[in-house]
Amino acid sequence: MNILIVDDDASVRRIAVWALGALWPDAVIRTAADGKTAIDALEEFRPDLVVTDLHMPRLDGLSLCRHVQNDYELSRTKVLVVTGYGSGTVREEAFERGAVEFLAKPFRADELRASALRLVGA
């Protein structure tokens, strides 16, 4: 299992690494603080799951979702959006751009684990 966690908030990245690492102890988990760094990481690291914020510097999460959606080699990668902007229109746009799950911040570790399990299983 390969996981990429993308958020400009270091505390959110740490919580996500801890929560998903506990769920999948053998997972390879990488992090990125912005969408541009995440795109660079995707070139060498083909994750099964991307957990991303929407509002980040250099490249936003919606653009990252679209990149994953349009890259044939990432066609099996699932994208989980985790954001503080949970309005219906933001949610719809995330799904249109390739997200398959949406979780509002603040979230609990068990909510993140449950969402991840729905996407990629055990």
PDB file of N, CA and C in Angstrom:
ATOM      1  N   MET A   1       0.844  -1.170   0.000  1.00  0.00           N
ATOM      2  CA  MET A   1       0.000   0.000   0.000  1.00  0.00           C
ATOM      3  C   MET A   1       0.894   1.240   0.000  1.00  0.00           C
ATOM      4  N   ASN A   2       0.673   2.128  -0.948  1.00  0.00           N
ATOM      5  CA  ASN A   2       1.371   3.405  -1.025  1.00  0.00           C
ATOM      6  C   ASN A   2       0.363   4.530  -0.826  1.00  0.00           C
ATOM      7  N   ILE A   3       0.701   5.470   0.037  1.00  0.00           N
ATOM      8  CA  ILE A   3      -0.207   6.573   0.367  1.00  0.00           C
ATOM      9  C   ILE A   3       0.559   7.879   0.267  1.00  0.00           C
ATOM     10  N   LEU A   4      -0.078   8.885  -0.347  1.00  0.00           N
ATOM     11  CA  LEU A   4       0.468  10.238  -0.407  1.00  0.00           C
ATOM     12  C   LEU A   4      -0.497  11.167   0.315  1.00  0.00           C
ATOM     13  N   ILE A   5       0.005  11.879   1.312  1.00  0.00           N
ATOM     14  CA  ILE A   5      -0.800  12.823   2.091  1.00  0.00           C
ATOM     15  C   ILE A   5      -0.333  14.228   1.734  1.00  0.00           C
ATOM     16  N   VAL A   6      -1.283  15.066   1.311  1.00  0.00           N
ATOM     17  CA  VAL A   6      -0.952  16.406   0.823  1.00  0.00           C
ATOM     18  C   VAL A   6      -1.767  17.434   1.596  1.00  0.00           C
ATOM     19  N   ASP A   7      -1.073  18.261   2.366  1.00  0.00           N
ATOM     20  CA  ASP A   7      -1.737  19.322   3.129  1.00  0.00           C
ATOM     21  C   ASP A   7      -0.684  20.344   3.524  1.00  0.00           C
ATOM     22  N   ASP A   8      -1.038  21.613   3.479  1.00  0.00           N
ATOM     23  CA  ASP A   8      -0.082  22.648   3.868  1.00  0.00           C
ATOM     24  C   ASP A   8       0.031  22.795   5.379  1.00  0.00           C
ATOM     25  N   ASP A   9      -0.810  22.126   6.122  1.00  0.00           N
ATOM     26  CA  ASP A   9      -0.778  22.153   7.583  1.00  0.00           C
ATOM     27  C   ASP A   9      -0.022  20.910   8.084  1.00  0.00           C
ATOM     28  N   ALA A  10       1.138  21.137   8.672  1.00  0.00           N
ATOM     29  CA  ALA A  10       1.979  20.025   9.137  1.00  0.00           C
ATOM     30  C   ALA A  10       1.271  19.152  10.162  1.00  0.00           C
ATOM     31  N   SER A  11       0.435  19.743  11.015  1.00  0.00           N
ATOM     32  CA  SER A  11      -0.257  18.941  12.030  1.00  0.00           C
ATOM     33  C   SER A  11      -1.265  17.991  11.390  1.00  0.00           C
ATOM     34  N   VAL A  12      -1.926  18.414  10.323  1.00  0.00           N
ATOM     35  CA  VAL A  12      -2.861  17.533   9.616  1.00  0.00           C
ATOM     36  C   VAL A  12      -2.087  16.386   8.964  1.00  0.00           C
ATOM     37  N   ARG A  13      -0.933  16.701   8.371  1.00  0.00           N
ATOM     38  CA  ARG A  13      -0.115  15.637   7.776  1.00  0.00           C
ATOM     39  C   ARG A  13       0.305  14.624   8.833  1.00  0.00           C
ATOM     40  N   ARG A  14       0.743  15.093  10.009  1.00  0.00           N
ATOM     41  CA  ARG A  14       1.166  14.174  11.074  1.00  0.00           C
ATOM     42  C   ARG A  14       0.020  13.287  11.544  1.00  0.00           C
ATOM     43  N   ILE A  15      -1.147  13.871  11.735  1.00  0.00           N
ATOM     44  CA  ILE A  15      -2.310  13.096  12.185  1.00  0.00           C
ATOM     45  C   ILE A  15      -2.674  12.040  11.140  1.00  0.00           C
ATOM     46  N   ALA A  16      -2.671  12.429   9.876  1.00  0.00           N
ATOM     47  CA  ALA A  16      -3.020  11.484   8.810  1.00  0.00           C
ATOM     48  C   ALA A  16      -1.998  10.357   8.714  1.00  0.00           C
ATOM     49  N   VAL A  17      -0.719  10.684   8.827  1.00  0.00           N
ATOM     50  CA  VAL A  17       0.324   9.650   8.806  1.00  0.00           C
ATOM     51  C   VAL A  17       0.112   8.690   9.967  1.00  0.00           C
ATOM     52  N   TRP A  18      -0.128   9.221  11.141  1.00  0.00           N
ATOM     53  CA  TRP A  18      -0.345   8.384  12.320  1.00  0.00           C
ATOM     54  C   TRP A  18      -1.585   7.501  12.144  1.00  0.00           C
ATOM     55  N   ALA A  19      -2.703   8.100  11.718  1.00  0.00           N
ATOM     56  CA  ALA A  19      -3.959   7.353  11.604  1.00  0.00           C
ATOM     57  C   ALA A  19      -3.868   6.253  10.550  1.00  0.00           C
ATOM     58  N   LEU A  20      -3.333   6.578   9.389  1.00  0.00           N
ATOM     59  CA  LEU A  20      -3.275   5.585   8.314  1.00  0.00           C
ATOM     60  C   LEU A  20      -2.138   4.595   8.528  1.00  0.00           C
ATOM     61  N   GLY A  21      -1.069   5.033   9.158  1.00  0.00           N
ATOM     62  CA  GLY A  21       0.018   4.115   9.499  1.00  0.00           C
ATOM     63  C   GLY A  21      -0.425   3.063  10.497  1.00  0.00           C
ATOM     64  N   ALA A  22      -1.322   3.434  11.414  1.00  0.00           N
ATOM     65  CA  ALA A  22      -1.864   2.469  12.370  1.00  0.00           C
ATOM     66  C   ALA A  22      -2.777   1.467  11.672  1.00  0.00           C
ATOM     67  N   LEU A  23      -3.456   1.925  10.640  1.00  0.00           N
ATOM     68  CA  LEU A  23      -4.363   1.058   9.886  1.00  0.00           C
ATOM     69  C   LEU A  23      -3.588   0.083   8.997  1.00  0.00           C
ATOM     70  N   TRP A  24      -2.548   0.592   8.352  1.00  0.00           N
ATOM     71  CA  TRP A  24      -1.711  -0.203   7.458  1.00  0.00           C
ATOM     72  C   TRP A  24      -0.249  -0.040   7.876  1.00  0.00           C
ATOM     73  N   PRO A  25       0.222  -0.804   8.858  1.00  0.00           N
ATOM     74  CA  PRO A  25       1.594  -0.640   9.369  1.00  0.00           C
ATOM     75  C   PRO A  25       2.687  -0.828   8.324  1.00  0.00           C
ATOM     76  N   ASP A  26       2.424  -1.597   7.289  1.00  0.00           N
ATOM     77  CA  ASP A  26       3.434  -1.835   6.260  1.00  0.00           C
ATOM     78  C   ASP A  26       3.351  -0.846   5.095  1.00  0.00           C
ATOM     79  N   ALA A  27       2.445   0.112   5.185  1.00  0.00           N
ATOM     80  CA  ALA A  27       2.273   1.079   4.095  1.00  0.00           C
ATOM     81  C   ALA A  27       3.496   1.979   3.966  1.00  0.00           C
ATOM     82  N   VAL A  28       3.752   2.387   2.735  1.00  0.00           N
ATOM     83  CA  VAL A  28       4.740   3.422   2.470  1.00  0.00           C
ATOM     84  C   VAL A  28       3.955   4.716   2.366  1.00  0.00           C
ATOM     85  N   ILE A  29       4.212   5.631   3.308  1.00  0.00           N
ATOM     86  CA  ILE A  29       3.458   6.883   3.362  1.00  0.00           C
ATOM     87  C   ILE A  29       4.415   8.039   3.122  1.00  0.00           C
ATOM     88  N   ARG A  30       4.086   8.849   2.128  1.00  0.00           N
ATOM     89  CA  ARG A  30       4.851  10.064   1.847  1.00  0.00           C
ATOM     90  C   ARG A  30       3.935  11.267   2.039  1.00  0.00           C
ATOM     91  N   THR A  31       4.556  12.414   2.253  1.00  0.00           N
ATOM     92  CA  THR A  31       3.782  13.630   2.452  1.00  0.00           C
ATOM     93  C   THR A  31       4.292  14.740   1.540  1.00  0.00           C
ATOM     94  N   ALA A  32       3.414  15.709   1.300  1.00  0.00           N
ATOM     95  CA  ALA A  32       3.756  16.906   0.536  1.00  0.00           C
ATOM     96  C   ALA A  32       2.993  18.073   1.144  1.00  0.00           C
ATOM     97  N   ALA A  33       3.621  19.246   1.148  1.00  0.00           N
ATOM     98  CA  ALA A  33       3.015  20.430   1.759  1.00  0.00           C
ATOM     99  C   ALA A  33       2.237  21.290   0.773  1.00  0.00           C
ATOM    100  N   ASP A  34       2.271  20.933  -0.509  1.00  0.00           N
ATOM    101  CA  ASP A  34       1.515  21.686  -1.508  1.00  0.00           C
ATOM    102  C   ASP A  34       1.288  20.808  -2.731  1.00  0.00           C
ATOM    103  N   GLY A  35       0.399  21.269  -3.604  1.00  0.00           N
ATOM    104  CA  GLY A  35       0.044  20.478  -4.772  1.00  0.00           C
ATOM    105  C   GLY A  35       1.174  20.282  -5.759  1.00  0.00           C
ATOM    106  N   LYS A  36       2.028  21.269  -5.928  1.00  0.00           N
ATOM    107  CA  LYS A  36       3.159  21.151  -6.862  1.00  0.00           C
ATOM    108  C   LYS A  36       4.127  20.066  -6.401  1.00  0.00           C
ATOM    109  N   THR A  37       4.449  20.068  -5.126  1.00  0.00           N
ATOM    110  CA  THR A  37       5.325  19.022  -4.581  1.00  0.00           C
ATOM    111  C   THR A  37       4.665  17.652  -4.725  1.00  0.00           C
ATOM    112  N   ALA A  38       3.351  17.603  -4.560  1.00  0.00           N
ATOM    113  CA  ALA A  38       2.620  16.343  -4.718  1.00  0.00           C
ATOM    114  C   ALA A  38       2.705  15.833  -6.151  1.00  0.00           C
ATOM    115  N   ILE A  39       2.550  16.728  -7.132  1.00  0.00           N
ATOM    116  CA  ILE A  39       2.659  16.333  -8.542  1.00  0.00           C
ATOM    117  C   ILE A  39       4.046  15.742  -8.804  1.00  0.00           C
ATOM    118  N   ASP A  40       5.071  16.393  -8.279  1.00  0.00           N
ATOM    119  CA  ASP A  40       6.436  15.878  -8.434  1.00  0.00           C
ATOM    120  C   ASP A  40       6.564  14.490  -7.806  1.00  0.00           C
ATOM    121  N   ALA A  41       5.977  14.303  -6.637  1.00  0.00           N
ATOM    122  CA  ALA A  41       6.041  13.005  -5.957  1.00  0.00           C
ATOM    123  C   ALA A  41       5.302  11.924  -6.744  1.00  0.00           C
ATOM    124  N   LEU A  42       4.192  12.288  -7.390  1.00  0.00           N
ATOM    125  CA  LEU A  42       3.418  11.315  -8.165  1.00  0.00           C
ATOM    126  C   LEU A  42       4.206  10.747  -9.340  1.00  0.00           C
ATOM    127  N   GLU A  43       5.154  11.521  -9.849  1.00  0.00           N
ATOM    128  CA  GLU A  43       5.959  11.056 -10.980  1.00  0.00           C
ATOM    129  C   GLU A  43       6.814   9.846 -10.613  1.00  0.00           C
ATOM    130  N   GLU A  44       7.264   9.777  -9.365  1.00  0.00           N
ATOM    131  CA  GLU A  44       8.123   8.664  -8.945  1.00  0.00           C
ATOM    132  C   GLU A  44       7.429   7.695  -8.000  1.00  0.00           C
ATOM    133  N   PHE A  45       6.356   8.127  -7.395  1.00  0.00           N
ATOM    134  CA  PHE A  45       5.677   7.358  -6.364  1.00  0.00           C
ATOM    135  C   PHE A  45       4.226   7.193  -6.785  1.00  0.00           C
ATOM    136  N   ARG A  46       3.854   6.026  -7.175  1.00  0.00           N
ATOM    137  CA  ARG A  46       2.494   5.766  -7.661  1.00  0.00           C
ATOM    138  C   ARG A  46       1.632   5.268  -6.502  1.00  0.00           C
ATOM    139  N   PRO A  47       0.959   6.183  -5.800  1.00  0.00           N
ATOM    140  CA  PRO A  47       0.201   5.764  -4.620  1.00  0.00           C
ATOM    141  C   PRO A  47      -1.114   5.077  -4.969  1.00  0.00           C
ATOM    142  N   ASP A  48      -1.564   4.259  -4.050  1.00  0.00           N
ATOM    143  CA  ASP A  48      -2.893   3.663  -4.141  1.00  0.00           C
ATOM    144  C   ASP A  48      -3.938   4.665  -3.666  1.00  0.00           C
ATOM    145  N   LEU A  49      -3.521   5.539  -2.745  1.00  0.00           N
ATOM    146  CA  LEU A  49      -4.418   6.507  -2.131  1.00  0.00           C
ATOM    147  C   LEU A  49      -3.716   7.852  -2.008  1.00  0.00           C
ATOM    148  N   VAL A  50      -4.431   8.913  -2.404  1.00  0.00           N
ATOM    149  CA  VAL A  50      -3.981  10.283  -2.172  1.00  0.00           C
ATOM    150  C   VAL A  50      -5.002  10.931  -1.240  1.00  0.00           C
ATOM    151  N   VAL A  51      -4.506  11.482  -0.139  1.00  0.00           N
ATOM    152  CA  VAL A  51      -5.341  12.246   0.797  1.00  0.00           C
ATOM    153  C   VAL A  51      -4.898  13.689   0.643  1.00  0.00           C
ATOM    154  N   THR A  52      -5.797  14.568   0.194  1.00  0.00           N
ATOM    155  CA  THR A  52      -5.386  15.934  -0.095  1.00  0.00           C
ATOM    156  C   THR A  52      -6.347  16.987   0.435  1.00  0.00           C
ATOM    157  N   ASP A  53      -5.765  18.083   0.854  1.00  0.00           N
ATOM    158  CA  ASP A  53      -6.500  19.299   1.167  1.00  0.00           C
ATOM    159  C   ASP A  53      -6.851  19.965  -0.162  1.00  0.00           C
ATOM    160  N   LEU A  54      -7.746  20.946  -0.141  1.00  0.00           N
ATOM    161  CA  LEU A  54      -8.077  21.663  -1.364  1.00  0.00           C
ATOM    162  C   LEU A  54      -7.306  22.971  -1.498  1.00  0.00           C
ATOM    163  N   HIS A  55      -7.264  23.762  -0.451  1.00  0.00           N
ATOM    164  CA  HIS A  55      -6.644  25.085  -0.514  1.00  0.00           C
ATOM    165  C   HIS A  55      -5.215  25.020  -0.002  1.00  0.00           C
ATOM    166  N   MET A  56      -4.267  25.067  -0.969  1.00  0.00           N
ATOM    167  CA  MET A  56      -2.842  24.973  -0.653  1.00  0.00           C
ATOM    168  C   MET A  56      -2.076  25.920  -1.568  1.00  0.00           C
ATOM    169  N   PRO A  57      -0.857  26.260  -1.183  1.00  0.00           N
ATOM    170  CA  PRO A  57      -0.041  27.101  -2.055  1.00  0.00           C
ATOM    171  C   PRO A  57       0.468  26.334  -3.280  1.00  0.00           C
ATOM    172  N   ARG A  58       0.883  27.078  -4.277  1.00  0.00           N
ATOM    173  CA  ARG A  58       1.526  26.609  -5.517  1.00  0.00           C
ATOM    174  C   ARG A  58       0.617  25.815  -6.443  1.00  0.00           C
ATOM    175  N   LEU A  59      -0.234  24.963  -5.939  1.00  0.00           N
ATOM    176  CA  LEU A  59      -1.191  24.222  -6.757  1.00  0.00           C
ATOM    177  C   LEU A  59      -2.252  23.678  -5.816  1.00  0.00           C
ATOM    178  N   ASP A  60      -3.498  23.964  -6.101  1.00  0.00           N
ATOM    179  CA  ASP A  60      -4.567  23.562  -5.177  1.00  0.00           C
ATOM    180  C   ASP A  60      -4.951  22.097  -5.344  1.00  0.00           C
ATOM    181  N   GLY A  61      -5.744  21.624  -4.401  1.00  0.00           N
ATOM    182  CA  GLY A  61      -6.144  20.221  -4.391  1.00  0.00           C
ATOM    183  C   GLY A  61      -7.044  19.833  -5.548  1.00  0.00           C
ATOM    184  N   LEU A  62      -7.859  20.774  -6.047  1.00  0.00           N
ATOM    185  CA  LEU A  62      -8.702  20.460  -7.200  1.00  0.00           C
ATOM    186  C   LEU A  62      -7.847  20.197  -8.432  1.00  0.00           C
ATOM    187  N   SER A  63      -6.796  20.975  -8.603  1.00  0.00           N
ATOM    188  CA  SER A  63      -5.880  20.745  -9.724  1.00  0.00           C
ATOM    189  C   SER A  63      -5.149  19.421  -9.560  1.00  0.00           C
ATOM    190  N   LEU A  64      -4.803  19.082  -8.331  1.00  0.00           N
ATOM    191  CA  LEU A  64      -4.170  17.795  -8.060  1.00  0.00           C
ATOM    192  C   LEU A  64      -5.125  16.648  -8.394  1.00  0.00           C
ATOM    193  N   CYS A  65      -6.390  16.781  -8.003  1.00  0.00           N
ATOM    194  CA  CYS A  65      -7.398  15.764  -8.343  1.00  0.00           C
ATOM    195  C   CYS A  65      -7.485  15.569  -9.849  1.00  0.00           C
ATOM    196  N   ARG A  66      -7.525  16.680 -10.576  1.00  0.00           N
ATOM    197  CA  ARG A  66      -7.622  16.613 -12.034  1.00  0.00           C
ATOM    198  C   ARG A  66      -6.392  15.927 -12.628  1.00  0.00           C
ATOM    199  N   HIS A  67      -5.216  16.221 -12.080  1.00  0.00           N
ATOM    200  CA  HIS A  67      -3.984  15.593 -12.569  1.00  0.00           C
ATOM    201  C   HIS A  67      -4.059  14.073 -12.408  1.00  0.00           C
ATOM    202  N   VAL A  68      -4.481  13.625 -11.239  1.00  0.00           N
ATOM    203  CA  VAL A  68      -4.605  12.181 -10.987  1.00  0.00           C
ATOM    204  C   VAL A  68      -5.629  11.582 -11.941  1.00  0.00           C
ATOM    205  N   GLN A  69      -6.752  12.261 -12.115  1.00  0.00           N
ATOM    206  CA  GLN A  69      -7.826  11.779 -12.979  1.00  0.00           C
ATOM    207  C   GLN A  69      -7.359  11.640 -14.436  1.00  0.00           C
ATOM    208  N   ASN A  70      -6.503  12.539 -14.887  1.00  0.00           N
ATOM    209  CA  ASN A  70      -6.086  12.569 -16.292  1.00  0.00           C
ATOM    210  C   ASN A  70      -4.819  11.765 -16.593  1.00  0.00           C
ATOM    211  N   ASP A  71      -4.188  11.207 -15.594  1.00  0.00           N
ATOM    212  CA  ASP A  71      -2.952  10.449 -15.788  1.00  0.00           C
ATOM    213  C   ASP A  71      -3.287   8.957 -15.835  1.00  0.00           C
ATOM    214  N   TYR A  72      -3.096   8.356 -16.988  1.00  0.00           N
ATOM    215  CA  TYR A  72      -3.446   6.949 -17.169  1.00  0.00           C
ATOM    216  C   TYR A  72      -2.757   6.047 -16.149  1.00  0.00           C
ATOM    217  N   GLU A  73      -1.503   6.330 -15.837  1.00  0.00           N
ATOM    218  CA  GLU A  73      -0.759   5.490 -14.900  1.00  0.00           C
ATOM    219  C   GLU A  73      -1.290   5.603 -13.470  1.00  0.00           C
ATOM    220  N   LEU A  74      -2.100   6.624 -13.201  1.00  0.00           N
ATOM    221  CA  LEU A  74      -2.701   6.799 -11.875  1.00  0.00           C
ATOM    222  C   LEU A  74      -4.177   6.426 -11.877  1.00  0.00           C
ATOM    223  N   SER A  75      -4.628   5.737 -12.899  1.00  0.00           N
ATOM    224  CA  SER A  75      -6.061   5.468 -13.054  1.00  0.00           C
ATOM    225  C   SER A  75      -6.663   4.656 -11.904  1.00  0.00           C
ATOM    226  N   ARG A  76      -5.851   3.916 -11.191  1.00  0.00           N
ATOM    227  CA  ARG A  76      -6.362   3.134 -10.051  1.00  0.00           C
ATOM    228  C   ARG A  76      -6.195   3.853  -8.718  1.00  0.00           C
ATOM    229  N   THR A  77      -5.567   5.005  -8.741  1.00  0.00           N
ATOM    230  CA  THR A  77      -5.337   5.778  -7.521  1.00  0.00           C
ATOM    231  C   THR A  77      -6.645   6.416  -7.070  1.00  0.00           C
ATOM    232  N   LYS A  78      -6.970   6.252  -5.802  1.00  0.00           N
ATOM    233  CA  LYS A  78      -8.168   6.854  -5.217  1.00  0.00           C
ATOM    234  C   LYS A  78      -7.780   8.163  -4.535  1.00  0.00           C
ATOM    235  N   VAL A  79      -8.635   9.179  -4.669  1.00  0.00           N
ATOM    236  CA  VAL A  79      -8.363  10.482  -4.067  1.00  0.00           C
ATOM    237  C   VAL A  79      -9.421  10.789  -3.011  1.00  0.00           C
ATOM    238  N   LEU A  80      -8.938  11.033  -1.810  1.00  0.00           N
ATOM    239  CA  LEU A  80      -9.771  11.422  -0.670  1.00  0.00           C
ATOM    240  C   LEU A  80      -9.475  12.887  -0.371  1.00  0.00           C
ATOM    241  N   VAL A  81     -10.478  13.735  -0.502  1.00  0.00           N
ATOM    242  CA  VAL A  81     -10.331  15.158  -0.201  1.00  0.00           C
ATOM    243  C   VAL A  81     -10.689  15.379   1.261  1.00  0.00           C
ATOM    244  N   VAL A  82      -9.793  16.069   1.964  1.00  0.00           N
ATOM    245  CA  VAL A  82     -10.004  16.429   3.365  1.00  0.00           C
ATOM    246  C   VAL A  82      -9.855  17.942   3.437  1.00  0.00           C
ATOM    247  N   THR A  83     -10.951  18.652   3.729  1.00  0.00           N
ATOM    248  CA  THR A  83     -10.894  20.111   3.679  1.00  0.00           C
ATOM    249  C   THR A  83     -11.823  20.764   4.682  1.00  0.00           C
ATOM    250  N   GLY A  84     -11.503  21.994   5.008  1.00  0.00           N
ATOM    251  CA  GLY A  84     -12.353  22.797   5.870  1.00  0.00           C
ATOM    252  C   GLY A  84     -13.453  23.497   5.102  1.00  0.00           C
ATOM    253  N   TYR A  85     -13.413  23.388   3.783  1.00  0.00           N
ATOM    254  CA  TYR A  85     -14.412  24.014   2.926  1.00  0.00           C
ATOM    255  C   TYR A  85     -15.373  22.942   2.444  1.00  0.00           C
ATOM    256  N   GLY A  86     -16.433  22.724   3.206  1.00  0.00           N
ATOM    257  CA  GLY A  86     -17.322  21.603   2.938  1.00  0.00           C
ATOM    258  C   GLY A  86     -18.623  21.956   2.269  1.00  0.00           C
ATOM    259  N   SER A  87     -18.706  23.119   1.600  1.00  0.00           N
ATOM    260  CA  SER A  87     -19.970  23.486   0.965  1.00  0.00           C
ATOM    261  C   SER A  87     -20.298  22.517  -0.162  1.00  0.00           C
ATOM    262  N   GLY A  88     -21.566  22.472  -0.512  1.00  0.00           N
ATOM    263  CA  GLY A  88     -22.022  21.566  -1.562  1.00  0.00           C
ATOM    264  C   GLY A  88     -21.334  21.780  -2.893  1.00  0.00           C
ATOM    265  N   THR A  89     -21.094  23.043  -3.265  1.00  0.00           N
ATOM    266  CA  THR A  89     -20.465  23.305  -4.560  1.00  0.00           C
ATOM    267  C   THR A  89     -19.007  22.859  -4.571  1.00  0.00           C
ATOM    268  N   VAL A  90     -18.298  23.073  -3.468  1.00  0.00           N
ATOM    269  CA  VAL A  90     -16.901  22.620  -3.383  1.00  0.00           C
ATOM    270  C   VAL A  90     -16.854  21.098  -3.451  1.00  0.00           C
ATOM    271  N   ARG A  91     -17.746  20.475  -2.758  1.00  0.00           N
ATOM    272  CA  ARG A  91     -17.827  19.007  -2.756  1.00  0.00           C
ATOM    273  C   ARG A  91     -18.102  18.482  -4.167  1.00  0.00           C
ATOM    274  N   GLU A  92     -19.078  19.067  -4.839  1.00  0.00           N
ATOM    275  CA  GLU A  92     -19.416  18.647  -6.203  1.00  0.00           C
ATOM    276  C   GLU A  92     -18.236  18.834  -7.150  1.00  0.00           C
ATOM    277  N   GLU A  93     -17.550  19.973  -7.027  1.00  0.00           N
ATOM    278  CA  GLU A  93     -16.407  20.228  -7.897  1.00  0.00           C
ATOM    279  C   GLU A  93     -15.290  19.217  -7.649  1.00  0.00           C
ATOM    280  N   ALA A  94     -15.062  18.865  -6.396  1.00  0.00           N
ATOM    281  CA  ALA A  94     -14.036  17.866  -6.079  1.00  0.00           C
ATOM    282  C   ALA A  94     -14.377  16.529  -6.743  1.00  0.00           C
ATOM    283  N   PHE A  95     -15.637  16.121  -6.674  1.00  0.00           N
ATOM    284  CA  PHE A  95     -16.042  14.857  -7.303  1.00  0.00           C
ATOM    285  C   PHE A  95     -15.931  14.934  -8.828  1.00  0.00           C
ATOM    286  N   GLU A  96     -16.287  16.075  -9.403  1.00  0.00           N
ATOM    287  CA  GLU A  96     -16.165  16.247 -10.851  1.00  0.00           C
ATOM    288  C   GLU A  96     -14.715  16.148 -11.311  1.00  0.00           C
ATOM    289  N   ARG A  97     -13.802  16.556 -10.456  1.00  0.00           N
ATOM    290  CA  ARG A  97     -12.379  16.549 -10.822  1.00  0.00           C
ATOM    291  C   ARG A  97     -11.664  15.262 -10.426  1.00  0.00           C
ATOM    292  N   GLY A  98     -12.402  14.287  -9.929  1.00  0.00           N
ATOM    293  CA  GLY A  98     -11.786  12.982  -9.708  1.00  0.00           C
ATOM    294  C   GLY A  98     -11.727  12.484  -8.277  1.00  0.00           C
ATOM    295  N   ALA A  99     -12.096  13.299  -7.304  1.00  0.00           N
ATOM    296  CA  ALA A  99     -12.135  12.799  -5.925  1.00  0.00           C
ATOM    297  C   ALA A  99     -13.222  11.731  -5.816  1.00  0.00           C
ATOM    298  N   VAL A 100     -12.999  10.750  -4.978  1.00  0.00           N
ATOM    299  CA  VAL A 100     -14.000   9.701  -4.791  1.00  0.00           C
ATOM    300  C   VAL A 100     -14.525   9.649  -3.357  1.00  0.00           C
ATOM    301  N   GLU A 101     -13.954  10.462  -2.496  1.00  0.00           N
ATOM    302  CA  GLU A 101     -14.413  10.543  -1.101  1.00  0.00           C
ATOM    303  C   GLU A 101     -14.104  11.946  -0.600  1.00  0.00           C
ATOM    304  N   PHE A 102     -14.927  12.435   0.315  1.00  0.00           N
ATOM    305  CA  PHE A 102     -14.817  13.798   0.819  1.00  0.00           C
ATOM    306  C   PHE A 102     -15.002  13.761   2.331  1.00  0.00           C
ATOM    307  N   LEU A 103     -14.068  14.358   3.059  1.00  0.00           N
ATOM    308  CA  LEU A 103     -14.124  14.375   4.515  1.00  0.00           C
ATOM    309  C   LEU A 103     -13.877  15.808   4.979  1.00  0.00           C
ATOM    310  N   ALA A 104     -14.777  16.336   5.802  1.00  0.00           N
ATOM    311  CA  ALA A 104     -14.656  17.712   6.282  1.00  0.00           C
ATOM    312  C   ALA A 104     -13.725  17.789   7.489  1.00  0.00           C
ATOM    313  N   LYS A 105     -12.933  18.865   7.536  1.00  0.00           N
ATOM    314  CA  LYS A 105     -12.104  19.163   8.706  1.00  0.00           C
ATOM    315  C   LYS A 105     -12.958  19.958   9.681  1.00  0.00           C
ATOM    316  N   PRO A 106     -12.713  19.843  10.938  1.00  0.00           N
ATOM    317  CA  PRO A 106     -11.791  18.892  11.555  1.00  0.00           C
ATOM    318  C   PRO A 106     -12.366  17.482  11.493  1.00  0.00           C
ATOM    319  N   PHE A 107     -11.499  16.515  11.386  1.00  0.00           N
ATOM    320  CA  PHE A 107     -11.921  15.127  11.313  1.00  0.00           C
ATOM    321  C   PHE A 107     -11.273  14.354  12.453  1.00  0.00           C
ATOM    322  N   ARG A 108     -11.875  13.222  12.777  1.00  0.00           N
ATOM    323  CA  ARG A 108     -11.293  12.320  13.761  1.00  0.00           C
ATOM    324  C   ARG A 108     -10.505  11.240  13.013  1.00  0.00           C
ATOM    325  N   ALA A 109      -9.534  10.682  13.690  1.00  0.00           N
ATOM    326  CA  ALA A 109      -8.698   9.640  13.083  1.00  0.00           C
ATOM    327  C   ALA A 109      -9.544   8.464  12.599  1.00  0.00           C
ATOM    328  N   ASP A 110     -10.559   8.077  13.376  1.00  0.00           N
ATOM    329  CA  ASP A 110     -11.389   6.948  12.956  1.00  0.00           C
ATOM    330  C   ASP A 110     -12.199   7.277  11.706  1.00  0.00           C
ATOM    331  N   GLU A 111     -12.578   8.539  11.518  1.00  0.00           N
ATOM    332  CA  GLU A 111     -13.283   8.938  10.296  1.00  0.00           C
ATOM    333  C   GLU A 111     -12.364   8.827   9.082  1.00  0.00           C
ATOM    334  N   LEU A 112     -11.121   9.263   9.242  1.00  0.00           N
ATOM    335  CA  LEU A 112     -10.155   9.164   8.151  1.00  0.00           C
ATOM    336  C   LEU A 112      -9.899   7.703   7.804  1.00  0.00           C
ATOM    337  N   ARG A 113      -9.722   6.879   8.815  1.00  0.00           N
ATOM    338  CA  ARG A 113      -9.489   5.441   8.573  1.00  0.00           C
ATOM    339  C   ARG A 113     -10.678   4.809   7.846  1.00  0.00           C
ATOM    340  N   ALA A 114     -11.892   5.132   8.285  1.00  0.00           N
ATOM    341  CA  ALA A 114     -13.092   4.559   7.664  1.00  0.00           C
ATOM    342  C   ALA A 114     -13.199   4.991   6.198  1.00  0.00           C
ATOM    343  N   SER A 115     -12.934   6.256   5.922  1.00  0.00           N
ATOM    344  CA  SER A 115     -12.969   6.739   4.538  1.00  0.00           C
ATOM    345  C   SER A 115     -11.919   6.034   3.696  1.00  0.00           C
ATOM    346  N   ALA A 116     -10.713   5.909   4.215  1.00  0.00           N
ATOM    347  CA  ALA A 116      -9.637   5.243   3.476  1.00  0.00           C
ATOM    348  C   ALA A 116      -9.981   3.782   3.213  1.00  0.00           C
ATOM    349  N   LEU A 117     -10.532   3.111   4.197  1.00  0.00           N
ATOM    350  CA  LEU A 117     -10.915   1.707   4.016  1.00  0.00           C
ATOM    351  C   LEU A 117     -11.993   1.558   2.948  1.00  0.00           C
ATOM    352  N   ARG A 118     -12.936   2.480   2.892  1.00  0.00           N
ATOM    353  CA  ARG A 118     -13.966   2.419   1.855  1.00  0.00           C
ATOM    354  C   ARG A 118     -13.339   2.527   0.462  1.00  0.00           C
ATOM    355  N   LEU A 119     -12.266   3.278   0.358  1.00  0.00           N
ATOM    356  CA  LEU A 119     -11.652   3.498  -0.946  1.00  0.00           C
ATOM    357  C   LEU A 119     -10.731   2.377  -1.395  1.00  0.00           C
ATOM    358  N   VAL A 120      -9.898   1.886  -0.487  1.00  0.00           N
ATOM    359  CA  VAL A 120      -8.884   0.914  -0.919  1.00  0.00           C
ATOM    360  C   VAL A 120      -8.969  -0.422  -0.196  1.00  0.00           C
ATOM    361  N   GLY A 121      -9.862  -0.545   0.758  1.00  0.00           N
ATOM    362  CA  GLY A 121     -10.044  -1.829   1.443  1.00  0.00           C
ATOM    363  C   GLY A 121      -8.908  -2.153   2.396  1.00  0.00           C
ATOM    364  N   ALA A 122      -8.912  -3.384   2.863  1.00  0.00           N
ATOM    365  CA  ALA A 122      -7.948  -3.806   3.869  1.00  0.00           C
ATOM    366  C   ALA A 122      -6.609  -4.163   3.314  1.00  0.00           C
TER     367      ALA A 122
END
